């Protein structure tokens, strides 16, 4: 897909830590895709603000068929 992307990876509490999905380039600001752990609504909002020119996605990594879905912010617009 064209453009820049922010992919939030959600892990279940039983996640095996050796199956990591989040890896990034050394120059994260120049990366086409930025990978991040889902940090809950407030933490994710900080990422969304910082990477505001990125399309945001969410993946449930521990789902039986993980797939990227558009991330929908829960923040209320001011």
N, C-alpha and C. Protein backbone atom coordinates (compact mmCIF):
# COMPACT_ATOMS: atom_id res chain seq x y z
N UNK A 1 0.84 -1.18 0.00
CA UNK A 1 0.00 0.00 0.00
C UNK A 1 0.88 1.25 0.00
N UNK A 2 0.48 2.26 -0.69
CA UNK A 2 1.25 3.49 -0.68
C UNK A 2 1.13 4.22 0.66
N UNK A 3 2.03 5.13 0.91
CA UNK A 3 1.99 5.93 2.12
C UNK A 3 2.78 5.31 3.26
N UNK A 4 2.68 5.95 4.40
CA UNK A 4 3.35 5.48 5.62
C UNK A 4 2.32 4.83 6.53
N UNK A 5 2.78 3.88 7.33
CA UNK A 5 1.87 3.09 8.15
C UNK A 5 2.40 2.93 9.57
N UNK A 6 1.49 2.94 10.53
CA UNK A 6 1.77 2.63 11.93
C UNK A 6 0.97 1.38 12.25
N UNK A 7 1.65 0.32 12.65
CA UNK A 7 0.98 -0.95 12.94
C UNK A 7 1.10 -1.23 14.43
N UNK A 8 -0.05 -1.25 15.11
CA UNK A 8 -0.10 -1.53 16.54
C UNK A 8 -0.36 -3.02 16.73
N UNK A 9 0.55 -3.66 17.44
CA UNK A 9 0.46 -5.11 17.67
C UNK A 9 -0.10 -5.35 19.07
N UNK A 10 -1.21 -6.06 19.11
CA UNK A 10 -1.82 -6.43 20.39
C UNK A 10 -1.45 -7.87 20.72
N UNK A 11 -0.95 -8.07 21.94
CA UNK A 11 -0.63 -9.41 22.44
C UNK A 11 -1.60 -9.79 23.56
N UNK A 12 -2.01 -11.04 23.59
CA UNK A 12 -2.82 -11.56 24.69
C UNK A 12 -1.94 -11.74 25.92
N UNK A 13 -2.54 -11.79 27.12
CA UNK A 13 -1.73 -11.98 28.34
C UNK A 13 -0.90 -13.26 28.31
N UNK A 14 -1.35 -14.29 27.57
CA UNK A 14 -0.63 -15.56 27.51
C UNK A 14 0.41 -15.57 26.38
N UNK A 15 0.68 -14.43 25.78
CA UNK A 15 1.61 -14.36 24.65
C UNK A 15 2.99 -14.92 25.02
N UNK A 16 3.56 -15.69 24.12
CA UNK A 16 4.91 -16.23 24.29
C UNK A 16 5.89 -15.14 23.88
N UNK A 17 6.71 -14.63 24.79
CA UNK A 17 7.55 -13.48 24.49
C UNK A 17 8.58 -13.70 23.38
N UNK A 18 8.87 -14.92 23.05
CA UNK A 18 9.87 -15.21 22.00
C UNK A 18 9.29 -15.10 20.59
N UNK A 19 8.00 -14.85 20.47
CA UNK A 19 7.39 -14.67 19.15
C UNK A 19 7.03 -13.20 18.98
N UNK A 20 8.06 -12.40 18.79
CA UNK A 20 7.93 -10.95 18.70
C UNK A 20 7.56 -10.50 17.30
N UNK A 21 6.69 -9.53 17.19
CA UNK A 21 6.28 -8.96 15.91
C UNK A 21 6.88 -7.58 15.70
N UNK A 22 7.29 -6.92 16.78
CA UNK A 22 7.69 -5.51 16.70
C UNK A 22 9.19 -5.37 16.48
N UNK A 23 9.55 -4.98 15.27
CA UNK A 23 10.93 -4.66 14.90
C UNK A 23 10.88 -3.41 14.03
N UNK A 24 11.83 -2.51 14.19
CA UNK A 24 11.85 -1.28 13.41
C UNK A 24 13.25 -0.98 12.89
N UNK A 25 13.29 -0.13 11.85
CA UNK A 25 14.55 0.37 11.32
C UNK A 25 15.21 1.26 12.36
N UNK A 26 16.52 1.45 12.22
CA UNK A 26 17.23 2.34 13.13
C UNK A 26 16.69 3.76 13.03
N UNK A 27 16.38 4.23 11.82
CA UNK A 27 15.81 5.55 11.61
C UNK A 27 14.29 5.39 11.51
N UNK A 28 13.65 5.28 12.65
CA UNK A 28 12.21 4.99 12.68
C UNK A 28 11.39 6.08 12.00
N UNK A 29 11.84 7.32 12.05
CA UNK A 29 11.07 8.41 11.44
C UNK A 29 11.08 8.35 9.92
N UNK A 30 12.04 7.66 9.33
CA UNK A 30 12.11 7.53 7.88
C UNK A 30 11.48 6.23 7.38
N UNK A 31 11.04 5.38 8.29
CA UNK A 31 10.50 4.07 7.92
C UNK A 31 9.12 4.21 7.28
N UNK A 32 8.87 3.41 6.26
CA UNK A 32 7.54 3.35 5.63
C UNK A 32 6.53 2.71 6.58
N UNK A 33 6.99 1.71 7.33
CA UNK A 33 6.13 1.02 8.30
C UNK A 33 6.78 1.10 9.67
N UNK A 34 6.03 1.57 10.66
CA UNK A 34 6.48 1.61 12.04
C UNK A 34 5.66 0.60 12.82
N UNK A 35 6.36 -0.27 13.53
CA UNK A 35 5.71 -1.31 14.32
C UNK A 35 5.76 -0.90 15.79
N UNK A 36 4.65 -1.06 16.53
CA UNK A 36 4.61 -0.71 17.94
C UNK A 36 3.69 -1.66 18.68
N UNK A 37 3.98 -1.83 19.97
CA UNK A 37 3.08 -2.63 20.80
C UNK A 37 1.85 -1.79 21.15
N UNK A 38 0.70 -2.42 21.17
CA UNK A 38 -0.53 -1.77 21.61
C UNK A 38 -0.34 -1.40 23.08
N UNK A 39 -0.48 -0.11 23.39
CA UNK A 39 -0.24 0.37 24.76
C UNK A 39 -1.52 0.88 25.42
N UNK A 40 -2.66 0.46 24.90
CA UNK A 40 -3.93 0.95 25.44
C UNK A 40 -4.27 2.29 24.81
N UNK A 41 -5.48 2.74 25.06
CA UNK A 41 -5.99 3.93 24.39
C UNK A 41 -5.09 5.16 24.58
N UNK A 42 -4.72 5.48 25.82
CA UNK A 42 -3.93 6.70 26.07
C UNK A 42 -2.55 6.61 25.42
N UNK A 43 -1.87 5.49 25.58
CA UNK A 43 -0.54 5.32 24.98
C UNK A 43 -0.59 5.32 23.47
N UNK A 44 -1.61 4.70 22.91
CA UNK A 44 -1.75 4.67 21.45
C UNK A 44 -2.01 6.07 20.90
N UNK A 45 -2.75 6.89 21.64
CA UNK A 45 -3.03 8.26 21.19
C UNK A 45 -1.74 9.06 21.03
N UNK A 46 -0.78 8.84 21.94
CA UNK A 46 0.52 9.53 21.81
C UNK A 46 1.21 9.12 20.51
N UNK A 47 1.18 7.84 20.20
CA UNK A 47 1.78 7.38 18.95
C UNK A 47 1.06 7.96 17.74
N UNK A 48 -0.27 7.96 17.79
CA UNK A 48 -1.05 8.50 16.67
C UNK A 48 -0.75 9.97 16.44
N UNK A 49 -0.55 10.72 17.51
CA UNK A 49 -0.20 12.13 17.36
C UNK A 49 1.19 12.31 16.78
N UNK A 50 2.13 11.51 17.26
CA UNK A 50 3.51 11.62 16.76
C UNK A 50 3.60 11.21 15.29
N UNK A 51 2.94 10.13 14.94
CA UNK A 51 2.96 9.62 13.56
C UNK A 51 1.66 9.99 12.85
N UNK A 52 1.25 11.24 12.93
CA UNK A 52 -0.04 11.68 12.40
C UNK A 52 -0.16 11.57 10.89
N UNK A 53 0.97 11.45 10.18
CA UNK A 53 0.90 11.30 8.72
C UNK A 53 0.92 9.84 8.29
N UNK A 54 0.73 8.91 9.24
CA UNK A 54 0.72 7.47 8.98
C UNK A 54 -0.72 6.94 9.02
N UNK A 55 -0.99 5.92 8.23
CA UNK A 55 -2.25 5.18 8.34
C UNK A 55 -2.07 4.20 9.50
N UNK A 56 -3.02 4.16 10.41
CA UNK A 56 -2.89 3.31 11.60
C UNK A 56 -3.65 2.00 11.42
N UNK A 57 -2.98 0.93 11.84
CA UNK A 57 -3.53 -0.42 11.76
C UNK A 57 -3.37 -1.11 13.10
N UNK A 58 -4.15 -2.15 13.33
CA UNK A 58 -4.03 -2.98 14.54
C UNK A 58 -4.06 -4.43 14.12
N UNK A 59 -3.18 -5.22 14.74
CA UNK A 59 -3.13 -6.66 14.51
C UNK A 59 -3.18 -7.37 15.86
N UNK A 60 -4.08 -8.33 16.00
CA UNK A 60 -4.08 -9.21 17.16
C UNK A 60 -3.13 -10.35 16.86
N UNK A 61 -1.90 -10.24 17.33
CA UNK A 61 -0.85 -11.18 16.99
C UNK A 61 -1.13 -12.61 17.44
N UNK A 62 -1.87 -12.76 18.51
CA UNK A 62 -2.14 -14.11 19.03
C UNK A 62 -3.44 -14.70 18.51
N UNK A 63 -4.11 -14.02 17.61
CA UNK A 63 -5.32 -14.55 16.98
C UNK A 63 -4.92 -15.73 16.09
N UNK A 64 -5.82 -16.66 15.88
CA UNK A 64 -5.50 -17.82 15.04
C UNK A 64 -5.23 -17.42 13.60
N UNK A 65 -5.81 -16.33 13.14
CA UNK A 65 -5.55 -15.80 11.80
C UNK A 65 -5.31 -14.29 11.90
N UNK A 66 -4.10 -13.90 12.32
CA UNK A 66 -3.83 -12.47 12.48
C UNK A 66 -3.99 -11.72 11.16
N UNK A 67 -4.61 -10.55 11.23
CA UNK A 67 -4.76 -9.72 10.04
C UNK A 67 -4.80 -8.26 10.46
N UNK A 68 -4.33 -7.42 9.57
CA UNK A 68 -4.32 -5.98 9.83
C UNK A 68 -5.71 -5.41 9.59
N UNK A 69 -6.17 -4.64 10.55
CA UNK A 69 -7.44 -3.94 10.43
C UNK A 69 -7.20 -2.48 10.76
N UNK A 70 -7.92 -1.57 10.14
CA UNK A 70 -7.72 -0.16 10.47
C UNK A 70 -7.91 0.08 11.96
N UNK A 71 -7.01 0.88 12.53
CA UNK A 71 -7.12 1.22 13.96
C UNK A 71 -8.09 2.38 14.08
N UNK A 72 -9.06 2.23 14.95
CA UNK A 72 -10.04 3.27 15.19
C UNK A 72 -9.74 3.88 16.56
N UNK A 73 -9.42 5.15 16.54
CA UNK A 73 -9.10 5.87 17.78
C UNK A 73 -10.35 6.02 18.63
N UNK A 74 -10.17 5.92 19.94
CA UNK A 74 -11.29 6.12 20.86
C UNK A 74 -11.27 7.51 21.46
N UNK A 75 -10.29 8.34 21.06
CA UNK A 75 -10.19 9.71 21.61
C UNK A 75 -11.35 10.57 21.09
N UNK A 76 -11.80 11.41 21.94
CA UNK A 76 -12.85 12.36 21.57
C UNK A 76 -12.18 13.61 21.03
N UNK A 77 -12.59 14.05 19.86
CA UNK A 77 -12.01 15.25 19.27
C UNK A 77 -12.37 16.47 20.10
N UNK A 78 -11.39 17.35 20.28
CA UNK A 78 -11.62 18.59 21.05
C UNK A 78 -12.05 19.71 20.16
